[in-house]
Amino acid sequence: MAITKTDVEAALTSKFNPSHLQVVDTSGGCGASFEVEVVSEKFEGKRLLERHRMVNAALAELMQSIHALSIKKALAPSQLPPPADPAAA
Protein backbone atom coordinates (compact mmCIF):
# COMPACT_ATOMS: atom_id res chain seq x y z
CA MET A 1 0.00 0.00 0.00
CA ALA A 2 1.49 3.34 -1.05
CA ILE A 3 1.41 6.02 1.64
CA THR A 4 0.54 9.53 0.52
CA LYS A 5 1.45 12.94 1.88
CA THR A 6 -2.23 13.30 2.85
CA ASP A 7 -2.04 10.08 4.93
CA VAL A 8 0.95 11.43 6.88
CA GLU A 9 -0.69 14.85 7.33
CA ALA A 10 -3.92 13.26 8.60
CA ALA A 11 -2.09 11.07 11.14
CA LEU A 12 -0.04 13.97 12.50
CA THR A 13 -2.97 16.40 12.54
CA SER A 14 -5.22 14.00 14.47
CA LYS A 15 -2.51 13.33 17.06
CA PHE A 16 -0.98 16.79 17.53
CA ASN A 17 -3.45 19.43 16.28
CA PRO A 18 -0.40 21.34 14.99
CA SER A 19 -0.18 25.10 14.54
CA HIS A 20 2.28 24.37 11.71
CA LEU A 21 2.62 21.18 9.68
CA GLN A 22 4.68 20.60 6.58
CA VAL A 23 4.99 17.19 4.96
CA VAL A 24 7.13 16.64 1.87
CA ASP A 25 7.15 13.38 -0.08
CA THR A 26 10.85 13.01 -0.94
CA SER A 27 10.37 9.67 -2.67
CA GLY A 28 9.19 11.06 -5.97
CA GLY A 29 5.59 10.07 -5.32
CA CYS A 30 5.89 6.42 -4.32
CA GLY A 31 5.30 7.21 -0.62
CA ALA A 32 8.46 5.59 0.71
CA SER A 33 10.21 8.67 2.10
CA PHE A 34 8.96 11.82 3.85
CA GLU A 35 10.28 14.94 5.57
CA VAL A 36 8.10 16.50 8.26
CA GLU A 37 7.97 19.70 10.31
CA VAL A 38 5.50 19.81 13.19
CA VAL A 39 4.81 22.59 15.70
CA SER A 40 2.39 21.59 18.45
CA GLU A 41 1.52 22.57 22.02
CA LYS A 42 1.73 18.85 22.84
CA PHE A 43 5.52 19.14 22.55
CA GLU A 44 5.70 21.78 25.30
CA GLY A 45 8.18 20.74 27.99
CA LYS A 46 9.33 17.66 26.06
CA ARG A 47 12.94 16.96 25.17
CA LEU A 48 13.93 16.58 21.50
CA LEU A 49 14.21 12.79 21.68
CA GLU A 50 10.77 12.52 23.28
CA ARG A 51 9.23 14.77 20.61
CA HIS A 52 10.74 12.62 17.87
CA ARG A 53 9.46 9.48 19.57
CA MET A 54 5.98 11.03 19.72
CA VAL A 55 6.07 11.71 15.96
CA ASN A 56 7.25 8.17 15.24
CA ALA A 57 4.52 6.75 17.49
CA ALA A 58 1.86 8.84 15.72
CA LEU A 59 3.03 7.36 12.41
CA ALA A 60 3.63 3.81 13.70
CA GLU A 61 0.99 2.18 11.52
CA LEU A 62 2.14 4.05 8.41
CA MET A 63 5.82 3.35 9.14
CA GLN A 64 5.29 -0.25 8.07
CA SER A 65 5.17 1.10 4.49
CA ILE A 66 7.49 4.11 4.83
CA HIS A 67 11.17 3.48 4.17
CA ALA A 68 12.55 6.78 5.50
CA LEU A 69 11.24 9.56 7.73
CA SER A 70 13.19 12.76 8.34
CA ILE A 71 11.84 14.87 11.20
CA LYS A 72 13.18 18.31 10.29
CA LYS A 73 11.38 20.08 13.14
CA ALA A 74 9.28 18.91 16.07
CA LEU A 75 8.84 22.03 18.16
CA ALA A 76 6.56 23.57 20.75
CA PRO A 77 5.24 27.03 19.79
CA SER A 78 7.42 28.59 22.51
CA GLN A 79 10.51 27.29 20.69
CA LEU A 80 9.79 29.20 17.48
CA PRO A 81 11.84 32.31 16.83
CA PRO A 82 9.89 35.57 17.05
CA PRO A 83 8.51 36.78 13.72
CA ALA A 84 10.66 39.24 11.81
CA ASP A 85 9.71 42.88 12.25
CA PRO A 86 8.61 44.10 8.78
CA ALA A 87 9.27 47.71 9.85
CA ALA A 88 12.96 46.89 10.31
CA ALA A 89 13.34 45.91 6.65
PDB file of N, CA and C in Angstrom:
ATOM      1  N   MET A   1       0.843  -1.182   0.000  1.00  0.00           N
ATOM      2  CA  MET A   1       0.000   0.000   0.000  1.00  0.00           C
ATOM      3  C   MET A   1       0.888   1.246   0.000  1.00  0.00           C
ATOM      4  N   ALA A   2       0.704   2.111  -0.966  1.00  0.00           N
ATOM      5  CA  ALA A   2       1.488   3.343  -1.049  1.00  0.00           C
ATOM      6  C   ALA A   2       0.920   4.376  -0.077  1.00  0.00           C
ATOM      7  N   ILE A   3       1.793   4.976   0.693  1.00  0.00           N
ATOM      8  CA  ILE A   3       1.410   6.017   1.637  1.00  0.00           C
ATOM      9  C   ILE A   3       1.502   7.363   0.916  1.00  0.00           C
ATOM     10  N   THR A   4       0.527   8.215   1.148  1.00  0.00           N
ATOM     11  CA  THR A   4       0.535   9.533   0.522  1.00  0.00           C
ATOM     12  C   THR A   4       0.862  10.619   1.548  1.00  0.00           C
ATOM     13  N   LYS A   5       1.216  11.780   1.035  1.00  0.00           N
ATOM     14  CA  LYS A   5       1.450  12.942   1.877  1.00  0.00           C
ATOM     15  C   LYS A   5       0.207  13.222   2.729  1.00  0.00           C
ATOM     16  N   THR A   6      -0.973  13.061   2.140  1.00  0.00           N
ATOM     17  CA  THR A   6      -2.227  13.298   2.849  1.00  0.00           C
ATOM     18  C   THR A   6      -2.395  12.330   4.019  1.00  0.00           C
ATOM     19  N   ASP A   7      -1.972  11.075   3.841  1.00  0.00           N
ATOM     20  CA  ASP A   7      -2.038  10.084   4.930  1.00  0.00           C
ATOM     21  C   ASP A   7      -1.184  10.530   6.119  1.00  0.00           C
ATOM     22  N   VAL A   8       0.019  10.987   5.827  1.00  0.00           N
ATOM     23  CA  VAL A   8       0.945  11.434   6.884  1.00  0.00           C
ATOM     24  C   VAL A   8       0.384  12.683   7.561  1.00  0.00           C
ATOM     25  N   GLU A   9      -0.113  13.625   6.766  1.00  0.00           N
ATOM     26  CA  GLU A   9      -0.694  14.851   7.329  1.00  0.00           C
ATOM     27  C   GLU A   9      -1.875  14.526   8.234  1.00  0.00           C
ATOM     28  N   ALA A  10      -2.740  13.614   7.809  1.00  0.00           N
ATOM     29  CA  ALA A  10      -3.916  13.256   8.604  1.00  0.00           C
ATOM     30  C   ALA A  10      -3.518  12.623   9.935  1.00  0.00           C
ATOM     31  N   ALA A  11      -2.539  11.739   9.909  1.00  0.00           N
ATOM     32  CA  ALA A  11      -2.094  11.070  11.135  1.00  0.00           C
ATOM     33  C   ALA A  11      -1.495  12.076  12.120  1.00  0.00           C
ATOM     34  N   LEU A  12      -0.670  12.987  11.622  1.00  0.00           N
ATOM     35  CA  LEU A  12      -0.035  13.971  12.502  1.00  0.00           C
ATOM     36  C   LEU A  12      -1.034  15.016  12.991  1.00  0.00           C
ATOM     37  N   THR A  13      -1.967  15.411  12.146  1.00  0.00           N
ATOM     38  CA  THR A  13      -2.973  16.395  12.541  1.00  0.00           C
ATOM     39  C   THR A  13      -3.883  15.833  13.624  1.00  0.00           C
ATOM     40  N   SER A  14      -4.308  14.582  13.471  1.00  0.00           N
ATOM     41  CA  SER A  14      -5.216  13.998  14.470  1.00  0.00           C
ATOM     42  C   SER A  14      -4.531  13.810  15.814  1.00  0.00           C
ATOM     43  N   LYS A  15      -3.239  13.569  15.808  1.00  0.00           N
ATOM     44  CA  LYS A  15      -2.508  13.325  17.058  1.00  0.00           C
ATOM     45  C   LYS A  15      -2.055  14.619  17.738  1.00  0.00           C
ATOM     46  N   PHE A  16      -1.635  15.616  16.948  1.00  0.00           N
ATOM     47  CA  PHE A  16      -0.981  16.790  17.532  1.00  0.00           C
ATOM     48  C   PHE A  16      -1.735  18.101  17.380  1.00  0.00           C
ATOM     49  N   ASN A  17      -2.752  18.167  16.534  1.00  0.00           N
ATOM     50  CA  ASN A  17      -3.449  19.434  16.276  1.00  0.00           C
ATOM     51  C   ASN A  17      -2.423  20.564  16.098  1.00  0.00           C
ATOM     52  N   PRO A  18      -1.537  20.419  15.114  1.00  0.00           N
ATOM     53  CA  PRO A  18      -0.403  21.342  14.992  1.00  0.00           C
ATOM     54  C   PRO A  18      -0.789  22.748  14.549  1.00  0.00           C
ATOM     55  N   SER A  19      -0.016  23.731  15.022  1.00  0.00           N
ATOM     56  CA  SER A  19      -0.179  25.100  14.537  1.00  0.00           C
ATOM     57  C   SER A  19       0.596  25.273  13.231  1.00  0.00           C
ATOM     58  N   HIS A  20       1.542  24.396  12.978  1.00  0.00           N
ATOM     59  CA  HIS A  20       2.284  24.367  11.709  1.00  0.00           C
ATOM     60  C   HIS A  20       2.563  22.909  11.380  1.00  0.00           C
ATOM     61  N   LEU A  21       2.314  22.531  10.141  1.00  0.00           N
ATOM     62  CA  LEU A  21       2.619  21.177   9.684  1.00  0.00           C
ATOM     63  C   LEU A  21       3.048  21.255   8.232  1.00  0.00           C
ATOM     64  N   GLN A  22       4.209  20.696   7.957  1.00  0.00           N
ATOM     65  CA  GLN A  22       4.680  20.597   6.579  1.00  0.00           C
ATOM     66  C   GLN A  22       5.151  19.177   6.356  1.00  0.00           C
ATOM     67  N   VAL A  23       4.599  18.539   5.334  1.00  0.00           N
ATOM     68  CA  VAL A  23       4.988  17.191   4.963  1.00  0.00           C
ATOM     69  C   VAL A  23       5.427  17.230   3.506  1.00  0.00           C
ATOM     70  N   VAL A  24       6.610  16.692   3.229  1.00  0.00           N
ATOM     71  CA  VAL A  24       7.134  16.641   1.867  1.00  0.00           C
ATOM     72  C   VAL A  24       7.432  15.186   1.523  1.00  0.00           C
ATOM     73  N   ASP A  25       6.855  14.719   0.419  1.00  0.00           N
ATOM     74  CA  ASP A  25       7.149  13.379  -0.083  1.00  0.00           C
ATOM     75  C   ASP A  25       8.462  13.476  -0.858  1.00  0.00           C
ATOM     76  N   THR A  26       9.530  12.932  -0.301  1.00  0.00           N
ATOM     77  CA  THR A  26      10.848  13.006  -0.938  1.00  0.00           C
ATOM     78  C   THR A  26      11.158  11.762  -1.755  1.00  0.00           C
ATOM     79  N   SER A  27      10.151  10.920  -1.949  1.00  0.00           N
ATOM     80  CA  SER A  27      10.369   9.667  -2.673  1.00  0.00           C
ATOM     81  C   SER A  27      10.006   9.760  -4.146  1.00  0.00           C
ATOM     82  N   GLY A  28       9.588  10.936  -4.582  1.00  0.00           N
ATOM     83  CA  GLY A  28       9.189  11.064  -5.973  1.00  0.00           C
ATOM     84  C   GLY A  28       7.778  10.569  -6.227  1.00  0.00           C
ATOM     85  N   GLY A  29       6.987  10.445  -5.171  1.00  0.00           N
ATOM     86  CA  GLY A  29       5.589  10.074  -5.319  1.00  0.00           C
ATOM     87  C   GLY A  29       5.236   8.646  -4.965  1.00  0.00           C
ATOM     88  N   CYS A  30       6.217   7.819  -4.640  1.00  0.00           N
ATOM     89  CA  CYS A  30       5.887   6.423  -4.318  1.00  0.00           C
ATOM     90  C   CYS A  30       5.543   6.233  -2.837  1.00  0.00           C
ATOM     91  N   GLY A  31       5.703   7.274  -2.014  1.00  0.00           N
ATOM     92  CA  GLY A  31       5.301   7.212  -0.615  1.00  0.00           C
ATOM     93  C   GLY A  31       6.246   6.466   0.291  1.00  0.00           C
ATOM     94  N   ALA A  32       7.506   6.341  -0.109  1.00  0.00           N
ATOM     95  CA  ALA A  32       8.461   5.591   0.708  1.00  0.00           C
ATOM     96  C   ALA A  32       9.318   6.465   1.599  1.00  0.00           C
ATOM     97  N   SER A  33       9.310   7.791   1.363  1.00  0.00           N
ATOM     98  CA  SER A  33      10.206   8.668   2.102  1.00  0.00           C
ATOM     99  C   SER A  33       9.550  10.038   2.295  1.00  0.00           C
ATOM    100  N   PHE A  34       9.592  10.543   3.536  1.00  0.00           N
ATOM    101  CA  PHE A  34       8.959  11.816   3.852  1.00  0.00           C
ATOM    102  C   PHE A  34       9.845  12.655   4.759  1.00  0.00           C
ATOM    103  N   GLU A  35       9.710  13.981   4.623  1.00  0.00           N
ATOM    104  CA  GLU A  35      10.278  14.944   5.565  1.00  0.00           C
ATOM    105  C   GLU A  35       9.101  15.634   6.237  1.00  0.00           C
ATOM    106  N   VAL A  36       9.187  15.836   7.556  1.00  0.00           N
ATOM    107  CA  VAL A  36       8.096  16.501   8.263  1.00  0.00           C
ATOM    108  C   VAL A  36       8.618  17.603   9.177  1.00  0.00           C
ATOM    109  N   GLU A  37       7.790  18.638   9.314  1.00  0.00           N
ATOM    110  CA  GLU A  37       7.971  19.695  10.308  1.00  0.00           C
ATOM    111  C   GLU A  37       6.654  19.806  11.054  1.00  0.00           C
ATOM    112  N   VAL A  38       6.703  19.741  12.377  1.00  0.00           N
ATOM    113  CA  VAL A  38       5.501  19.810  13.193  1.00  0.00           C
ATOM    114  C   VAL A  38       5.734  20.784  14.343  1.00  0.00           C
ATOM    115  N   VAL A  39       4.794  21.699  14.538  1.00  0.00           N
ATOM    116  CA  VAL A  39       4.809  22.590  15.702  1.00  0.00           C
ATOM    117  C   VAL A  39       3.495  22.355  16.434  1.00  0.00           C
ATOM    118  N   SER A  40       3.590  21.928  17.688  1.00  0.00           N
ATOM    119  CA  SER A  40       2.395  21.589  18.453  1.00  0.00           C
ATOM    120  C   SER A  40       2.584  21.893  19.935  1.00  0.00           C
ATOM    121  N   GLU A  41       1.508  22.339  20.563  1.00  0.00           N
ATOM    122  CA  GLU A  41       1.517  22.570  22.015  1.00  0.00           C
ATOM    123  C   GLU A  41       1.800  21.272  22.774  1.00  0.00           C
ATOM    124  N   LYS A  42       1.512  20.136  22.168  1.00  0.00           N
ATOM    125  CA  LYS A  42       1.734  18.847  22.838  1.00  0.00           C
ATOM    126  C   LYS A  42       3.215  18.553  23.040  1.00  0.00           C
ATOM    127  N   PHE A  43       4.084  19.318  22.378  1.00  0.00           N
ATOM    128  CA  PHE A  43       5.525  19.141  22.549  1.00  0.00           C
ATOM    129  C   PHE A  43       6.079  20.005  23.678  1.00  0.00           C
ATOM    130  N   GLU A  44       5.252  20.857  24.246  1.00  0.00           N
ATOM    131  CA  GLU A  44       5.703  21.777  25.298  1.00  0.00           C
ATOM    132  C   GLU A  44       6.304  20.993  26.463  1.00  0.00           C
ATOM    133  N   GLY A  45       7.505  21.371  26.855  1.00  0.00           N
ATOM    134  CA  GLY A  45       8.176  20.744  27.990  1.00  0.00           C
ATOM    135  C   GLY A  45       8.816  19.398  27.694  1.00  0.00           C
ATOM    136  N   LYS A  46       8.754  18.959  26.439  1.00  0.00           N
ATOM    137  CA  LYS A  46       9.332  17.665  26.060  1.00  0.00           C
ATOM    138  C   LYS A  46      10.720  17.868  25.463  1.00  0.00           C
ATOM    139  N   ARG A  47      11.604  16.931  25.745  1.00  0.00           N
ATOM    140  CA  ARG A  47      12.942  16.960  25.168  1.00  0.00           C
ATOM    141  C   ARG A  47      12.879  16.534  23.702  1.00  0.00           C
ATOM    142  N   LEU A  48      13.900  16.879  22.936  1.00  0.00           N
ATOM    143  CA  LEU A  48      13.934  16.584  21.503  1.00  0.00           C
ATOM    144  C   LEU A  48      13.684  15.099  21.217  1.00  0.00           C
ATOM    145  N   LEU A  49      14.370  14.227  21.924  1.00  0.00           N
ATOM    146  CA  LEU A  49      14.206  12.791  21.682  1.00  0.00           C
ATOM    147  C   LEU A  49      12.767  12.355  21.939  1.00  0.00           C
ATOM    148  N   GLU A  50      12.153  12.875  22.977  1.00  0.00           N
ATOM    149  CA  GLU A  50      10.766  12.521  23.283  1.00  0.00           C
ATOM    150  C   GLU A  50       9.815  13.028  22.195  1.00  0.00           C
ATOM    151  N   ARG A  51      10.068  14.237  21.695  1.00  0.00           N
ATOM    152  CA  ARG A  51       9.227  14.769  20.614  1.00  0.00           C
ATOM    153  C   ARG A  51       9.338  13.904  19.364  1.00  0.00           C
ATOM    154  N   HIS A  52      10.550  13.481  19.030  1.00  0.00           N
ATOM    155  CA  HIS A  52      10.741  12.618  17.870  1.00  0.00           C
ATOM    156  C   HIS A  52      10.058  11.264  18.077  1.00  0.00           C
ATOM    157  N   ARG A  53      10.147  10.748  19.270  1.00  0.00           N
ATOM    158  CA  ARG A  53       9.457   9.480  19.565  1.00  0.00           C
ATOM    159  C   ARG A  53       7.947   9.632  19.432  1.00  0.00           C
ATOM    160  N   MET A  54       7.422  10.773  19.840  1.00  0.00           N
ATOM    161  CA  MET A  54       5.981  11.030  19.720  1.00  0.00           C
ATOM    162  C   MET A  54       5.561  11.056  18.246  1.00  0.00           C
ATOM    163  N   VAL A  55       6.376  11.676  17.399  1.00  0.00           N
ATOM    164  CA  VAL A  55       6.066  11.712  15.961  1.00  0.00           C
ATOM    165  C   VAL A  55       6.112  10.302  15.387  1.00  0.00           C
ATOM    166  N   ASN A  56       7.153   9.553  15.728  1.00  0.00           N
ATOM    167  CA  ASN A  56       7.254   8.169  15.242  1.00  0.00           C
ATOM    168  C   ASN A  56       6.081   7.325  15.722  1.00  0.00           C
ATOM    169  N   ALA A  57       5.655   7.513  16.960  1.00  0.00           N
ATOM    170  CA  ALA A  57       4.518   6.748  17.486  1.00  0.00           C
ATOM    171  C   ALA A  57       3.232   7.108  16.753  1.00  0.00           C
ATOM    172  N   ALA A  58       3.059   8.398  16.436  1.00  0.00           N
ATOM    173  CA  ALA A  58       1.858   8.836  15.722  1.00  0.00           C
ATOM    174  C   ALA A  58       1.798   8.220  14.318  1.00  0.00           C
ATOM    175  N   LEU A  59       2.961   7.922  13.766  1.00  0.00           N
ATOM    176  CA  LEU A  59       3.026   7.362  12.412  1.00  0.00           C
ATOM    177  C   LEU A  59       3.320   5.860  12.407  1.00  0.00           C
ATOM    178  N   ALA A  60       3.229   5.214  13.565  1.00  0.00           N
ATOM    179  CA  ALA A  60       3.635   3.810  13.695  1.00  0.00           C
ATOM    180  C   ALA A  60       2.972   2.903  12.663  1.00  0.00           C
ATOM    181  N   GLU A  61       1.688   3.045  12.471  1.00  0.00           N
ATOM    182  CA  GLU A  61       0.987   2.183  11.519  1.00  0.00           C
ATOM    183  C   GLU A  61       1.476   2.431  10.089  1.00  0.00           C
ATOM    184  N   LEU A  62       1.683   3.700   9.756  1.00  0.00           N
ATOM    185  CA  LEU A  62       2.144   4.045   8.408  1.00  0.00           C
ATOM    186  C   LEU A  62       3.606   3.659   8.189  1.00  0.00           C
ATOM    187  N   MET A  63       4.387   3.633   9.265  1.00  0.00           N
ATOM    188  CA  MET A  63       5.818   3.350   9.139  1.00  0.00           C
ATOM    189  C   MET A  63       6.093   1.947   8.601  1.00  0.00           C
ATOM    190  N   GLN A  64       5.111   1.087   8.643  1.00  0.00           N
ATOM    191  CA  GLN A  64       5.287  -0.249   8.068  1.00  0.00           C
ATOM    192  C   GLN A  64       5.519  -0.165   6.557  1.00  0.00           C
ATOM    193  N   SER A  65       5.032   0.922   5.935  1.00  0.00           N
ATOM    194  CA  SER A  65       5.173   1.098   4.492  1.00  0.00           C
ATOM    195  C   SER A  65       6.107   2.243   4.110  1.00  0.00           C
ATOM    196  N   ILE A  66       6.582   2.988   5.096  1.00  0.00           N
ATOM    197  CA  ILE A  66       7.491   4.108   4.825  1.00  0.00           C
ATOM    198  C   ILE A  66       8.923   3.631   5.046  1.00  0.00           C
ATOM    199  N   HIS A  67       9.770   3.905   4.072  1.00  0.00           N
ATOM    200  CA  HIS A  67      11.169   3.485   4.168  1.00  0.00           C
ATOM    201  C   HIS A  67      12.006   4.468   4.985  1.00  0.00           C
ATOM    202  N   ALA A  68      11.731   5.772   4.823  1.00  0.00           N
ATOM    203  CA  ALA A  68      12.547   6.779   5.502  1.00  0.00           C
ATOM    204  C   ALA A  68      11.684   7.951   5.957  1.00  0.00           C
ATOM    205  N   LEU A  69      11.930   8.397   7.183  1.00  0.00           N
ATOM    206  CA  LEU A  69      11.239   9.559   7.734  1.00  0.00           C
ATOM    207  C   LEU A  69      12.293  10.500   8.303  1.00  0.00           C
ATOM    208  N   SER A  70      12.283  11.739   7.825  1.00  0.00           N
ATOM    209  CA  SER A  70      13.186  12.760   8.340  1.00  0.00           C
ATOM    210  C   SER A  70      12.345  13.792   9.083  1.00  0.00           C
ATOM    211  N   ILE A  71      12.551  13.891  10.386  1.00  0.00           N
ATOM    212  CA  ILE A  71      11.835  14.873  11.204  1.00  0.00           C
ATOM    213  C   ILE A  71      12.711  16.121  11.252  1.00  0.00           C
ATOM    214  N   LYS A  72      12.385  17.079  10.386  1.00  0.00           N
ATOM    215  CA  LYS A  72      13.182  18.305  10.290  1.00  0.00           C
ATOM    216  C   LYS A  72      12.973  19.192  11.508  1.00  0.00           C
ATOM    217  N   LYS A  73      11.705  19.301  11.945  1.00  0.00           N
ATOM    218  CA  LYS A  73      11.378  20.081  13.138  1.00  0.00           C
ATOM    219  C   LYS A  73      10.242  19.391  13.870  1.00  0.00           C
ATOM    220  N   ALA A  74      10.357  19.323  15.173  1.00  0.00           N
ATOM    221  CA  ALA A  74       9.281  18.907  16.066  1.00  0.00           C
ATOM    222  C   ALA A  74       9.392  19.839  17.259  1.00  0.00           C
ATOM    223  N   LEU A  75       8.669  20.952  17.191  1.00  0.00           N
ATOM    224  CA  LEU A  75       8.836  22.029  18.158  1.00  0.00           C
ATOM    225  C   LEU A  75       7.536  22.387  18.861  1.00  0.00           C
ATOM    226  N   ALA A  76       7.676  22.929  20.057  1.00  0.00           N
ATOM    227  CA  ALA A  76       6.560  23.570  20.746  1.00  0.00           C
ATOM    228  C   ALA A  76       6.507  25.014  20.248  1.00  0.00           C
ATOM    229  N   PRO A  77       5.335  25.649  20.260  1.00  0.00           N
ATOM    230  CA  PRO A  77       5.235  27.034  19.790  1.00  0.00           C
ATOM    231  C   PRO A  77       6.218  27.977  20.500  1.00  0.00           C
ATOM    232  N   SER A  78       6.499  27.719  21.763  1.00  0.00           N
ATOM    233  CA  SER A  78       7.420  28.591  22.508  1.00  0.00           C
ATOM    234  C   SER A  78       8.854  28.491  22.000  1.00  0.00           C
ATOM    235  N   GLN A  79       9.159  27.476  21.210  1.00  0.00           N
ATOM    236  CA  GLN A  79      10.513  27.294  20.686  1.00  0.00           C
ATOM    237  C   GLN A  79      10.726  27.985  19.338  1.00  0.00           C
ATOM    238  N   LEU A  80       9.661  28.506  18.758  1.00  0.00           N
ATOM    239  CA  LEU A  80       9.790  29.196  17.475  1.00  0.00           C
ATOM    240  C   LEU A  80      10.445  30.553  17.673  1.00  0.00           C
ATOM    241  N   PRO A  81      11.270  30.966  16.721  1.00  0.00           N
ATOM    242  CA  PRO A  81      11.842  32.309  16.826  1.00  0.00           C
ATOM    243  C   PRO A  81      10.743  33.349  16.650  1.00  0.00           C
ATOM    244  N   PRO A  82      10.910  34.527  17.228  1.00  0.00           N
ATOM    245  CA  PRO A  82       9.889  35.565  17.052  1.00  0.00           C
ATOM    246  C   PRO A  82       9.811  35.965  15.587  1.00  0.00           C
ATOM    247  N   PRO A  83       8.626  36.363  15.123  1.00  0.00           N
ATOM    248  CA  PRO A  83       8.508  36.777  13.720  1.00  0.00           C
ATOM    249  C   PRO A  83       9.361  37.999  13.437  1.00  0.00           C
ATOM    250  N   ALA A  84       9.829  38.095  12.218  1.00  0.00           N
ATOM    251  CA  ALA A  84      10.660  39.236  11.813  1.00  0.00           C
ATOM    252  C   ALA A  84       9.801  40.495  11.816  1.00  0.00           C
ATOM    253  N   ASP A  85      10.410  41.598  12.215  1.00  0.00           N
ATOM    254  CA  ASP A  85       9.714  42.879  12.246  1.00  0.00           C
ATOM    255  C   ASP A  85       9.759  43.489  10.845  1.00  0.00           C
ATOM    256  N   PRO A  86       8.611  43.563  10.146  1.00  0.00           N
ATOM    257  CA  PRO A  86       8.615  44.097   8.778  1.00  0.00           C
ATOM    258  C   PRO A  86       9.037  45.566   8.736  1.00  0.00           C
ATOM    259  N   ALA A  87       8.880  46.298   9.826  1.00  0.00           N
ATOM    260  CA  ALA A  87       9.269  47.707   9.853  1.00  0.00           C
ATOM    261  C   ALA A  87      10.789  47.865   9.828  1.00  0.00           C
ATOM    262  N   ALA A  88      11.504  46.833  10.265  1.00  0.00           N
ATOM    263  CA  ALA A  88      12.964  46.888  10.306  1.00  0.00           C
ATOM    264  C   ALA A  88      13.581  46.659   8.924  1.00  0.00           C
ATOM    265  N   ALA A  89      12.794  46.219   7.978  1.00  0.00           N
ATOM    266  CA  ALA A  89      13.341  45.909   6.650  1.00  0.00           C
ATOM    267  C   ALA A  89      13.507  47.093   5.771  1.00  0.00           C
TER     268      ALA A  89
END
